[in-house]
Amino acid sequence: MEIYDEMEENSVNEPTTDKFTEAFNKYNMKVDVTWVKSIIEKAKKEVPAGHEKETLKKIFSCIDLTTLKPTDNEDTILAFVEKVNSFEDKYPDLPSVASICTWPLYASTVSRSLEVESVRTCCVSGGFPSSQTFFEVKVAETSLALHDGADEIDIVQNAGHILNGDYETLADETDELKALCADKTLKVILETGALGTLDNVKKAALIAMYSGADFIKTSTGKEIPGADPESFCVMCKTVREYADETGRTVGVKAAGGISSVDDALLYWTIAKIILGKDWLNNTRFRIGASRLADKLLDEITK
């Protein structure tokens, strides 16, 4: 956001797209595919050695435990929350998940019934999963979720705006929704499977971060292909470059089709290689999952 303000002061009579050109010019916008492949190969080699209980516990603590079914209702959400509430008594030596993530309609249900202080209430918002709705609707939905107790908001970038170069709209929407969230966490979903190229993934990531995103996230997991290691590599590298350029740290979240322990370890290891140990905690790393939690727990406790 700071760089946008500075650019606007210095280019009053210039086209608004110049601020994006200037921002992009601070980075190498051409992704090195060979480098991406080398990181993934390196991470895959480390995965078998990653099945240590302490590592699996840390990954478990980074899960956004998610239910986004069309059949969700008050009863199913309450039952979902109760599983998390009972976890502390059943497994007192294990950390709980990072958050419960569900529809904004159930923000109040989750926040009122959740008893574990460390677990946050997270809601998807902003016309999830496509972002194809009026901005006024996105504002209203996000405001209502926050009012009802959401600690974190996951919004979706409109992938169509990246594909046709309408970066201004993307930036303005994210900036305004972050202003609504204030000190609450805003995660911006890039929907990497719809962007076509890794270069577009980098553009989407930079626009999200310069517009105030606290996390950038791979995917919604709905219809469009979910998380892929290549896009996640690019996201992590862009987060590192952005931190070096601006001094601001942004988290990364992998979501969409991550259901095995090895999958989770692969994304964890990619983050470790590119971003370092400072990102290996739930303030900077998340995994969106539902089935994964039980599989991790089985391996930790067996």
C-alpha atoms as a PDB file:
ATOM      1  CA  MET A   1       0.000   0.000   0.000  1.00  0.00           C
ATOM      2  CA  GLU A   2       2.831   2.394   0.857  1.00  0.00           C
ATOM      3  CA  ILE A   3       4.388   2.123  -2.591  1.00  0.00           C
ATOM      4  CA  TYR A   4       1.026   2.877  -4.222  1.00  0.00           C
ATOM      5  CA  ASP A   5       0.604   6.054  -2.162  1.00  0.00           C
ATOM      6  CA  GLU A   6       4.101   7.220  -3.086  1.00  0.00           C
ATOM      7  CA  MET A   7       3.534   6.499  -6.780  1.00  0.00           C
ATOM      8  CA  GLU A   8       0.254   8.401  -6.854  1.00  0.00           C
ATOM      9  CA  GLU A   9       1.909  11.492  -5.381  1.00  0.00           C
ATOM     10  CA  ASN A  10       4.639  11.413  -8.038  1.00  0.00           C
ATOM     11  CA  SER A  11       2.494  10.659 -11.107  1.00  0.00           C
ATOM     12  CA  VAL A  12      -0.710  12.643 -10.832  1.00  0.00           C
ATOM     13  CA  ASN A  13      -1.124  13.057 -14.600  1.00  0.00           C
ATOM     14  CA  GLU A  14       0.114   9.636 -15.630  1.00  0.00           C
ATOM     15  CA  PRO A  15      -2.011   6.539 -16.356  1.00  0.00           C
ATOM     16  CA  THR A  16      -2.916   4.595 -13.221  1.00  0.00           C
ATOM     17  CA  THR A  17      -1.332   1.431 -14.599  1.00  0.00           C
ATOM     18  CA  ASP A  18       2.093   3.088 -14.266  1.00  0.00           C
ATOM     19  CA  LYS A  19       2.131   2.302 -10.556  1.00  0.00           C
ATOM     20  CA  PHE A  20       1.956  -1.400 -11.360  1.00  0.00           C
ATOM     21  CA  THR A  21       4.679  -1.109 -13.988  1.00  0.00           C
ATOM     22  CA  GLU A  22       6.870   0.666 -11.442  1.00  0.00           C
ATOM     23  CA  ALA A  23       6.170  -1.967  -8.804  1.00  0.00           C
ATOM     24  CA  PHE A  24       6.801  -4.846 -11.198  1.00  0.00           C
ATOM     25  CA  ASN A  25      10.035  -3.212 -12.344  1.00  0.00           C
ATOM     26  CA  LYS A  26      11.457  -3.763  -8.877  1.00  0.00           C
ATOM     27  CA  TYR A  27      11.324  -7.511  -9.482  1.00  0.00           C
ATOM     28  CA  ASN A  28      12.344 -10.018 -12.121  1.00  0.00           C
ATOM     29  CA  MET A  29       8.887 -10.825 -13.457  1.00  0.00           C
ATOM     30  CA  LYS A  30      10.031 -13.742 -15.625  1.00  0.00           C
ATOM     31  CA  VAL A  31       9.863 -16.929 -13.572  1.00  0.00           C
ATOM     32  CA  ASP A  32      12.846 -19.252 -13.875  1.00  0.00           C
ATOM     33  CA  VAL A  33      11.110 -22.589 -14.492  1.00  0.00           C
ATOM     34  CA  THR A  34      14.376 -24.530 -14.160  1.00  0.00           C
ATOM     35  CA  TRP A  35      14.860 -23.087 -10.679  1.00  0.00           C
ATOM     36  CA  VAL A  36      11.273 -24.000  -9.739  1.00  0.00           C
ATOM     37  CA  LYS A  37      11.810 -27.609 -10.819  1.00  0.00           C
ATOM     38  CA  SER A  38      15.070 -27.823  -8.858  1.00  0.00           C
ATOM     39  CA  ILE A  39      13.389 -26.613  -5.661  1.00  0.00           C
ATOM     40  CA  ILE A  40      10.583 -29.145  -6.025  1.00  0.00           C
ATOM     41  CA  GLU A  41      13.034 -31.991  -6.618  1.00  0.00           C
ATOM     42  CA  LYS A  42      15.047 -30.946  -3.593  1.00  0.00           C
ATOM     43  CA  ALA A  43      11.906 -30.758  -1.453  1.00  0.00           C
ATOM     44  CA  LYS A  44      10.693 -34.186  -2.614  1.00  0.00           C
ATOM     45  CA  LYS A  45      13.992 -35.726  -1.522  1.00  0.00           C
ATOM     46  CA  GLU A  46      13.548 -34.259   1.955  1.00  0.00           C
ATOM     47  CA  VAL A  47       9.939 -35.398   2.399  1.00  0.00           C
ATOM     48  CA  PRO A  48      10.663 -38.994   3.531  1.00  0.00           C
ATOM     49  CA  ALA A  49      12.868 -37.671   6.321  1.00  0.00           C
ATOM     50  CA  GLY A  50      10.176 -35.218   7.385  1.00  0.00           C
ATOM     51  CA  HIS A  51       7.939 -37.744   9.110  1.00  0.00           C
ATOM     52  CA  GLU A  52       9.237 -36.770  12.540  1.00  0.00           C
ATOM     53  CA  LYS A  53       6.565 -36.278  15.162  1.00  0.00           C
ATOM     54  CA  GLU A  54       7.684 -32.752  16.027  1.00  0.00           C
ATOM     55  CA  THR A  55       7.481 -31.671  12.394  1.00  0.00           C
ATOM     56  CA  LEU A  56       4.066 -33.268  11.970  1.00  0.00           C
ATOM     57  CA  LYS A  57       2.851 -31.531  15.143  1.00  0.00           C
ATOM     58  CA  LYS A  58       3.941 -28.171  13.750  1.00  0.00           C
ATOM     59  CA  ILE A  59       2.148 -28.828  10.466  1.00  0.00           C
ATOM     60  CA  PHE A  60      -0.962 -29.893  12.370  1.00  0.00           C
ATOM     61  CA  SER A  61      -0.910 -26.569  14.247  1.00  0.00           C
ATOM     62  CA  CYS A  62      -0.894 -24.739  10.888  1.00  0.00           C
ATOM     63  CA  ILE A  63      -4.094 -26.298   9.545  1.00  0.00           C
ATOM     64  CA  ASP A  64      -7.119 -24.165   8.747  1.00  0.00           C
ATOM     65  CA  LEU A  65      -9.648 -26.914   9.445  1.00  0.00           C
ATOM     66  CA  THR A  66     -12.173 -26.329   6.712  1.00  0.00           C
ATOM     67  CA  THR A  67     -15.770 -27.191   5.973  1.00  0.00           C
ATOM     68  CA  LEU A  68     -17.240 -25.510   2.900  1.00  0.00           C
ATOM     69  CA  LYS A  69     -19.963 -27.926   1.864  1.00  0.00           C
ATOM     70  CA  PRO A  70     -23.255 -26.949   0.249  1.00  0.00           C
ATOM     71  CA  THR A  71     -24.912 -29.143   2.888  1.00  0.00           C
ATOM     72  CA  ASP A  72     -23.426 -27.314   5.901  1.00  0.00           C
ATOM     73  CA  ASN A  73     -25.973 -26.148   8.467  1.00  0.00           C
ATOM     74  CA  GLU A  74     -26.083 -25.005  12.073  1.00  0.00           C
ATOM     75  CA  ASP A  75     -26.006 -28.577  13.396  1.00  0.00           C
ATOM     76  CA  THR A  76     -23.090 -29.754  11.246  1.00  0.00           C
ATOM     77  CA  ILE A  77     -21.058 -26.634  12.089  1.00  0.00           C
ATOM     78  CA  LEU A  78     -21.670 -27.085  15.819  1.00  0.00           C
ATOM     79  CA  ALA A  79     -20.564 -30.720  15.570  1.00  0.00           C
ATOM     80  CA  PHE A  80     -17.471 -29.608  13.652  1.00  0.00           C
ATOM     81  CA  VAL A  81     -16.574 -27.087  16.354  1.00  0.00           C
ATOM     82  CA  GLU A  82     -17.173 -29.640  19.100  1.00  0.00           C
ATOM     83  CA  LYS A  83     -14.474 -31.883  17.620  1.00  0.00           C
ATOM     84  CA  VAL A  84     -11.993 -29.056  18.071  1.00  0.00           C
ATOM     85  CA  ASN A  85     -13.274 -28.236  21.558  1.00  0.00           C
ATOM     86  CA  SER A  86     -12.838 -31.841  22.695  1.00  0.00           C
ATOM     87  CA  PHE A  87      -9.367 -32.123  21.165  1.00  0.00           C
ATOM     88  CA  GLU A  88      -7.564 -30.466  24.098  1.00  0.00           C
ATOM     89  CA  ASP A  89      -8.974 -32.965  26.597  1.00  0.00           C
ATOM     90  CA  LYS A  90      -8.310 -35.929  24.349  1.00  0.00           C
ATOM     91  CA  TYR A  91      -4.796 -34.872  23.281  1.00  0.00           C
ATOM     92  CA  PRO A  92      -3.460 -32.480  25.966  1.00  0.00           C
ATOM     93  CA  ASP A  93       0.123 -32.790  24.711  1.00  0.00           C
ATOM     94  CA  LEU A  94      -0.668 -31.799  21.116  1.00  0.00           C
ATOM     95  CA  PRO A  95      -1.236 -28.339  19.640  1.00  0.00           C
ATOM     96  CA  SER A  96      -4.640 -27.675  18.154  1.00  0.00           C
ATOM     97  CA  VAL A  97      -5.326 -26.506  14.614  1.00  0.00           C
ATOM     98  CA  ALA A  98      -4.843 -22.839  13.676  1.00  0.00           C
ATOM     99  CA  SER A  99      -8.445 -22.057  12.778  1.00  0.00           C
ATOM    100  CA  ILE A 100     -11.871 -23.315  11.825  1.00  0.00           C
ATOM    101  CA  CYS A 101     -12.720 -22.043   8.343  1.00  0.00           C
ATOM    102  CA  THR A 102     -16.272 -21.984   7.027  1.00  0.00           C
ATOM    103  CA  TRP A 103     -18.932 -19.860   5.353  1.00  0.00           C
ATOM    104  CA  PRO A 104     -19.540 -16.293   6.638  1.00  0.00           C
ATOM    105  CA  LEU A 105     -23.085 -17.327   7.503  1.00  0.00           C
ATOM    106  CA  TYR A 106     -21.655 -19.377  10.401  1.00  0.00           C
ATOM    107  CA  ALA A 107     -19.130 -16.900  11.815  1.00  0.00           C
ATOM    108  CA  SER A 108     -21.315 -16.293  14.840  1.00  0.00           C
ATOM    109  CA  THR A 109     -21.922 -20.018  15.411  1.00  0.00           C
ATOM    110  CA  VAL A 110     -18.200 -20.795  15.363  1.00  0.00           C
ATOM    111  CA  SER A 111     -17.047 -17.801  17.398  1.00  0.00           C
ATOM    112  CA  ARG A 112     -19.705 -18.326  20.090  1.00  0.00           C
ATOM    113  CA  SER A 113     -19.217 -22.078  20.463  1.00  0.00           C
ATOM    114  CA  LEU A 114     -15.436 -22.295  20.032  1.00  0.00           C
ATOM    115  CA  GLU A 115     -13.789 -22.837  23.436  1.00  0.00           C
ATOM    116  CA  VAL A 116     -10.123 -23.226  22.457  1.00  0.00           C
ATOM    117  CA  GLU A 117      -8.514 -19.812  22.832  1.00  0.00           C
ATOM    118  CA  SER A 118      -5.697 -20.457  20.360  1.00  0.00           C
ATOM    119  CA  VAL A 119      -8.037 -21.470  17.509  1.00  0.00           C
ATOM    120  CA  ARG A 120      -9.345 -18.654  15.345  1.00  0.00           C
ATOM    121  CA  THR A 121     -12.617 -18.215  13.501  1.00  0.00           C
ATOM    122  CA  CYS A 122     -11.948 -17.944   9.760  1.00  0.00           C
ATOM    123  CA  CYS A 123     -14.489 -17.196   7.034  1.00  0.00           C
ATOM    124  CA  VAL A 124     -14.315 -17.214   3.263  1.00  0.00           C
ATOM    125  CA  SER A 125     -15.790 -14.041   1.825  1.00  0.00           C
ATOM    126  CA  GLY A 126     -15.897 -11.659  -1.107  1.00  0.00           C
ATOM    127  CA  GLY A 127     -17.972 -13.780  -3.460  1.00  0.00           C
ATOM    128  CA  PHE A 128     -16.134 -17.017  -2.730  1.00  0.00           C
ATOM    129  CA  PRO A 129     -15.187 -19.064  -4.698  1.00  0.00           C
ATOM    130  CA  SER A 130     -15.228 -17.064  -7.970  1.00  0.00           C
ATOM    131  CA  SER A 131     -15.203 -13.420  -6.800  1.00  0.00           C
ATOM    132  CA  GLN A 132     -17.695 -12.787  -9.604  1.00  0.00           C
ATOM    133  CA  THR A 133     -20.073 -10.458  -7.798  1.00  0.00           C
ATOM    134  CA  PHE A 134     -20.587  -6.773  -7.059  1.00  0.00           C
ATOM    135  CA  PHE A 135     -17.939  -5.178  -4.873  1.00  0.00           C
ATOM    136  CA  GLU A 136     -20.712  -3.869  -2.598  1.00  0.00           C
ATOM    137  CA  VAL A 137     -21.686  -7.490  -1.944  1.00  0.00           C
ATOM    138  CA  LYS A 138     -18.080  -8.342  -1.077  1.00  0.00           C
ATOM    139  CA  VAL A 139     -17.948  -5.459   1.382  1.00  0.00           C
ATOM    140  CA  ALA A 140     -21.253  -6.390   3.003  1.00  0.00           C
ATOM    141  CA  GLU A 141     -20.363 -10.073   3.295  1.00  0.00           C
ATOM    142  CA  THR A 142     -16.951  -9.322   4.798  1.00  0.00           C
ATOM    143  CA  SER A 143     -18.358  -6.718   7.213  1.00  0.00           C
ATOM    144  CA  LEU A 144     -21.042  -9.105   8.447  1.00  0.00           C
ATOM    145  CA  ALA A 145     -18.535 -11.928   8.973  1.00  0.00           C
ATOM    146  CA  LEU A 146     -16.245  -9.640  10.970  1.00  0.00           C
ATOM    147  CA  HIS A 147     -19.186  -8.318  12.981  1.00  0.00           C
ATOM    148  CA  ASP A 148     -20.203 -11.887  13.818  1.00  0.00           C
ATOM    149  CA  GLY A 149     -16.780 -12.781  15.190  1.00  0.00           C
ATOM    150  CA  ALA A 150     -14.465 -13.730  12.320  1.00  0.00           C
ATOM    151  CA  ASP A 151     -10.792 -13.302  13.212  1.00  0.00           C
ATOM    152  CA  GLU A 152      -9.595 -14.080   9.689  1.00  0.00           C
ATOM    153  CA  ILE A 153     -11.041 -13.490   6.233  1.00  0.00           C
ATOM    154  CA  ASP A 154     -10.130 -15.445   3.073  1.00  0.00           C
ATOM    155  CA  ILE A 155     -11.068 -13.570  -0.107  1.00  0.00           C
ATOM    156  CA  VAL A 156     -10.542 -14.509  -3.766  1.00  0.00           C
ATOM    157  CA  GLN A 157      -8.859 -12.392  -6.409  1.00  0.00           C
ATOM    158  CA  ASN A 158     -10.928 -12.257  -9.576  1.00  0.00           C
ATOM    159  CA  ALA A 159      -8.664 -14.247 -11.904  1.00  0.00           C
ATOM    160  CA  GLY A 160     -10.295 -12.584 -14.894  1.00  0.00           C
ATOM    161  CA  HIS A 161      -8.794  -9.242 -13.865  1.00  0.00           C
ATOM    162  CA  ILE A 162      -5.291 -10.710 -13.939  1.00  0.00           C
ATOM    163  CA  LEU A 163      -5.891 -12.234 -17.342  1.00  0.00           C
ATOM    164  CA  ASN A 164      -7.120  -8.972 -18.906  1.00  0.00           C
ATOM    165  CA  GLY A 165      -4.663  -6.727 -17.069  1.00  0.00           C
ATOM    166  CA  ASP A 166      -7.194  -4.939 -14.850  1.00  0.00           C
ATOM    167  CA  TYR A 167      -4.784  -4.707 -11.930  1.00  0.00           C
ATOM    168  CA  GLU A 168      -6.323  -1.468 -10.672  1.00  0.00           C
ATOM    169  CA  THR A 169      -9.613  -3.138  -9.777  1.00  0.00           C
ATOM    170  CA  LEU A 170      -7.851  -6.010  -8.030  1.00  0.00           C
ATOM    171  CA  ALA A 171      -5.694  -3.674  -5.977  1.00  0.00           C
ATOM    172  CA  ASP A 172      -8.552  -1.347  -5.023  1.00  0.00           C
ATOM    173  CA  GLU A 173     -10.799  -4.201  -3.887  1.00  0.00           C
ATOM    174  CA  THR A 174      -8.116  -5.849  -1.785  1.00  0.00           C
ATOM    175  CA  ASP A 175      -7.057  -2.526  -0.294  1.00  0.00           C
ATOM    176  CA  GLU A 176     -10.603  -1.663   0.774  1.00  0.00           C
ATOM    177  CA  LEU A 177     -11.318  -5.109   2.191  1.00  0.00           C
ATOM    178  CA  LYS A 178      -8.080  -4.992   4.170  1.00  0.00           C
ATOM    179  CA  ALA A 179      -9.158  -1.615   5.558  1.00  0.00           C
ATOM    180  CA  LEU A 180     -12.367  -3.308   6.730  1.00  0.00           C
ATOM    181  CA  CYS A 181     -10.381  -6.098   8.374  1.00  0.00           C
ATOM    182  CA  ALA A 182      -8.051  -3.628  10.133  1.00  0.00           C
ATOM    183  CA  ASP A 183      -5.988  -5.742  12.541  1.00  0.00           C
ATOM    184  CA  LYS A 184      -7.790  -8.953  11.555  1.00  0.00           C
ATOM    185  CA  THR A 185      -5.955 -11.303   9.174  1.00  0.00           C
ATOM    186  CA  LEU A 186      -6.730 -11.032   5.464  1.00  0.00           C
ATOM    187  CA  LYS A 187      -5.739 -13.954   3.245  1.00  0.00           C
ATOM    188  CA  VAL A 188      -5.938 -13.381  -0.519  1.00  0.00           C
ATOM    189  CA  ILE A 189      -6.558 -16.431  -2.701  1.00  0.00           C
ATOM    190  CA  LEU A 190      -4.806 -16.166  -6.061  1.00  0.00           C
ATOM    191  CA  GLU A 191      -6.634 -19.150  -7.630  1.00  0.00           C
ATOM    192  CA  THR A 192      -3.367 -20.181  -9.240  1.00  0.00           C
ATOM    193  CA  GLY A 193      -4.949 -22.944 -11.335  1.00  0.00           C
ATOM    194  CA  ALA A 194      -6.862 -20.332 -13.341  1.00  0.00           C
ATOM    195  CA  LEU A 195      -3.966 -17.965 -14.054  1.00  0.00           C
ATOM    196  CA  GLY A 196      -2.394 -19.860 -16.938  1.00  0.00           C
ATOM    197  CA  THR A 197       1.283 -19.057 -16.316  1.00  0.00           C
ATOM    198  CA  LEU A 198       3.715 -18.840 -13.420  1.00  0.00           C
ATOM    199  CA  ASP A 199       4.477 -15.263 -14.486  1.00  0.00           C
ATOM    200  CA  ASN A 200       0.813 -14.428 -13.816  1.00  0.00           C
ATOM    201  CA  VAL A 201       1.060 -16.099 -10.407  1.00  0.00           C
ATOM    202  CA  LYS A 202       3.905 -13.719  -9.546  1.00  0.00           C
ATOM    203  CA  LYS A 203       1.897 -10.705 -10.738  1.00  0.00           C
ATOM    204  CA  ALA A 204      -1.130 -11.789  -8.705  1.00  0.00           C
ATOM    205  CA  ALA A 205       1.009 -12.310  -5.607  1.00  0.00           C
ATOM    206  CA  LEU A 206       2.649  -8.881  -5.846  1.00  0.00           C
ATOM    207  CA  ILE A 207      -0.664  -7.090  -6.394  1.00  0.00           C
ATOM    208  CA  ALA A 208      -2.151  -8.843  -3.358  1.00  0.00           C
ATOM    209  CA  MET A 209       0.805  -8.019  -1.112  1.00  0.00           C
ATOM    210  CA  TYR A 210       1.128  -4.385  -2.195  1.00  0.00           C
ATOM    211  CA  SER A 211      -2.611  -4.054  -1.512  1.00  0.00           C
ATOM    212  CA  GLY A 212      -2.309  -5.193   2.108  1.00  0.00           C
ATOM    213  CA  ALA A 213      -2.711  -8.988   2.112  1.00  0.00           C
ATOM    214  CA  ASP A 214      -1.439 -10.621   5.309  1.00  0.00           C
ATOM    215  CA  PHE A 215      -1.301 -14.023   3.572  1.00  0.00           C
ATOM    216  CA  ILE A 216      -1.360 -15.136  -0.025  1.00  0.00           C
ATOM    217  CA  LYS A 217      -3.096 -18.436  -0.675  1.00  0.00           C
ATOM    218  CA  THR A 218      -2.998 -20.825  -3.632  1.00  0.00           C
ATOM    219  CA  SER A 219      -6.563 -21.898  -4.301  1.00  0.00           C
ATOM    220  CA  THR A 220     -10.187 -22.188  -3.282  1.00  0.00           C
ATOM    221  CA  GLY A 221     -10.257 -25.926  -3.968  1.00  0.00           C
ATOM    222  CA  LYS A 222     -13.526 -25.442  -5.860  1.00  0.00           C
ATOM    223  CA  GLU A 223     -13.835 -26.389  -9.556  1.00  0.00           C
ATOM    224  CA  ILE A 224     -10.491 -24.862 -10.629  1.00  0.00           C
ATOM    225  CA  PRO A 225      -7.427 -27.113 -10.010  1.00  0.00           C
ATOM    226  CA  GLY A 226      -6.110 -26.678  -6.484  1.00  0.00           C
ATOM    227  CA  ALA A 227      -2.636 -26.189  -5.059  1.00  0.00           C
ATOM    228  CA  ASP A 228       0.369 -27.158  -7.152  1.00  0.00           C
ATOM    229  CA  PRO A 229       4.020 -27.133  -6.014  1.00  0.00           C
ATOM    230  CA  GLU A 230       5.172 -24.981  -8.937  1.00  0.00           C
ATOM    231  CA  SER A 231       2.832 -22.096  -8.113  1.00  0.00           C
ATOM    232  CA  PHE A 232       3.614 -22.428  -4.421  1.00  0.00           C
ATOM    233  CA  CYS A 233       7.353 -22.125  -5.180  1.00  0.00           C
ATOM    234  CA  VAL A 234       6.707 -18.914  -7.088  1.00  0.00           C
ATOM    235  CA  MET A 235       4.534 -17.564  -4.282  1.00  0.00           C
ATOM    236  CA  CYS A 236       7.188 -18.294  -1.651  1.00  0.00           C
ATOM    237  CA  LYS A 237       9.957 -16.719  -3.723  1.00  0.00           C
ATOM    238  CA  THR A 238       7.813 -13.635  -4.353  1.00  0.00           C
ATOM    239  CA  VAL A 239       7.065 -13.344  -0.633  1.00  0.00           C
ATOM    240  CA  ARG A 240      10.801 -13.488   0.084  1.00  0.00           C
ATOM    241  CA  GLU A 241      11.600 -10.860  -2.575  1.00  0.00           C
ATOM    242  CA  TYR A 242       8.780  -8.628  -1.336  1.00  0.00           C
ATOM    243  CA  ALA A 243      10.044  -8.887   2.254  1.00  0.00           C
ATOM    244  CA  ASP A 244      13.556  -7.984   1.136  1.00  0.00           C
ATOM    245  CA  GLU A 245      12.239  -5.018  -0.881  1.00  0.00           C
ATOM    246  CA  THR A 246       9.697  -3.610   1.610  1.00  0.00           C
ATOM    247  CA  GLY A 247      10.590  -5.031   5.018  1.00  0.00           C
ATOM    248  CA  ARG A 248       7.051  -6.419   5.432  1.00  0.00           C
ATOM    249  CA  THR A 249       6.469 -10.127   5.976  1.00  0.00           C
ATOM    250  CA  VAL A 250       3.504 -11.930   4.420  1.00  0.00           C
ATOM    251  CA  GLY A 251       2.362 -15.476   5.125  1.00  0.00           C
ATOM    252  CA  VAL A 252       1.737 -18.282   2.639  1.00  0.00           C
ATOM    253  CA  LYS A 253      -1.118 -20.768   2.539  1.00  0.00           C
ATOM    254  CA  ALA A 254      -1.471 -23.892   0.420  1.00  0.00           C
ATOM    255  CA  ALA A 255      -5.000 -25.185  -0.117  1.00  0.00           C
ATOM    256  CA  GLY A 256      -6.977 -27.262  -2.550  1.00  0.00           C
ATOM    257  CA  GLY A 257      -6.509 -31.016  -2.810  1.00  0.00           C
ATOM    258  CA  ILE A 258      -3.885 -31.392  -0.066  1.00  0.00           C
ATOM    259  CA  SER A 259      -5.053 -34.584   1.581  1.00  0.00           C
ATOM    260  CA  SER A 260      -1.976 -36.721   2.296  1.00  0.00           C
ATOM    261  CA  VAL A 261       0.789 -36.316   4.862  1.00  0.00           C
ATOM    262  CA  ASP A 262       3.411 -36.400   2.102  1.00  0.00           C
ATOM    263  CA  ASP A 263       1.610 -33.602   0.245  1.00  0.00           C
ATOM    264  CA  ALA A 264       1.616 -31.471   3.391  1.00  0.00           C
ATOM    265  CA  LEU A 265       5.290 -32.186   3.977  1.00  0.00           C
ATOM    266  CA  LEU A 266       6.115 -31.181   0.406  1.00  0.00           C
ATOM    267  CA  TYR A 267       4.577 -27.706   0.810  1.00  0.00           C
ATOM    268  CA  TRP A 268       6.112 -27.340   4.270  1.00  0.00           C
ATOM    269  CA  THR A 269       9.533 -28.232   2.896  1.00  0.00           C
ATOM    270  CA  ILE A 270       9.232 -25.846  -0.056  1.00  0.00           C
ATOM    271  CA  ALA A 271       8.469 -23.028   2.398  1.00  0.00           C
ATOM    272  CA  LYS A 272      11.416 -24.064   4.564  1.00  0.00           C
ATOM    273  CA  ILE A 273      13.854 -24.078   1.630  1.00  0.00           C
ATOM    274  CA  ILE A 274      12.777 -20.748   0.145  1.00  0.00           C
ATOM    275  CA  LEU A 275      11.580 -18.736   3.135  1.00  0.00           C
ATOM    276  CA  GLY A 276      13.466 -20.294   6.026  1.00  0.00           C
ATOM    277  CA  LYS A 277      12.513 -21.362   9.532  1.00  0.00           C
ATOM    278  CA  ASP A 278      10.938 -18.018  10.422  1.00  0.00           C
ATOM    279  CA  TRP A 279       7.954 -18.980   8.251  1.00  0.00           C
ATOM    280  CA  LEU A 280       7.449 -22.422   9.816  1.00  0.00           C
ATOM    281  CA  ASN A 281       4.697 -21.456  12.262  1.00  0.00           C
ATOM    282  CA  ASN A 282       1.001 -20.713  11.990  1.00  0.00           C
ATOM    283  CA  THR A 283       1.478 -16.941  11.929  1.00  0.00           C
ATOM    284  CA  ARG A 284       3.181 -17.252   8.515  1.00  0.00           C
ATOM    285  CA  PHE A 285       2.287 -20.694   7.147  1.00  0.00           C
ATOM    286  CA  ARG A 286      -1.101 -22.369   6.754  1.00  0.00           C
ATOM    287  CA  ILE A 287      -2.591 -25.377   5.035  1.00  0.00           C
ATOM    288  CA  GLY A 288      -6.264 -25.468   4.197  1.00  0.00           C
ATOM    289  CA  ALA A 289      -7.578 -28.987   4.741  1.00  0.00           C
ATOM    290  CA  SER A 290     -10.268 -31.221   6.143  1.00  0.00           C
ATOM    291  CA  ARG A 291      -9.216 -34.870   5.650  1.00  0.00           C
ATOM    292  CA  LEU A 292      -5.534 -34.087   6.239  1.00  0.00           C
ATOM    293  CA  ALA A 293      -6.011 -33.359   9.942  1.00  0.00           C
ATOM    294  CA  ASP A 294      -7.128 -36.901  10.746  1.00  0.00           C
ATOM    295  CA  LYS A 295      -4.282 -38.427   8.718  1.00  0.00           C
ATOM    296  CA  LEU A 296      -1.687 -36.282  10.481  1.00  0.00           C
ATOM    297  CA  LEU A 297      -3.186 -37.105  13.850  1.00  0.00           C
ATOM    298  CA  ASP A 298      -3.110 -40.837  13.065  1.00  0.00           C
ATOM    299  CA  GLU A 299       0.573 -40.666  12.180  1.00  0.00           C
ATOM    300  CA  ILE A 300       1.470 -38.515  15.200  1.00  0.00           C
ATOM    301  CA  THR A 301      -0.292 -40.776  17.688  1.00  0.00           C
ATOM    302  CA  LYS A 302       0.263 -44.227  16.205  1.00  0.00           C
END
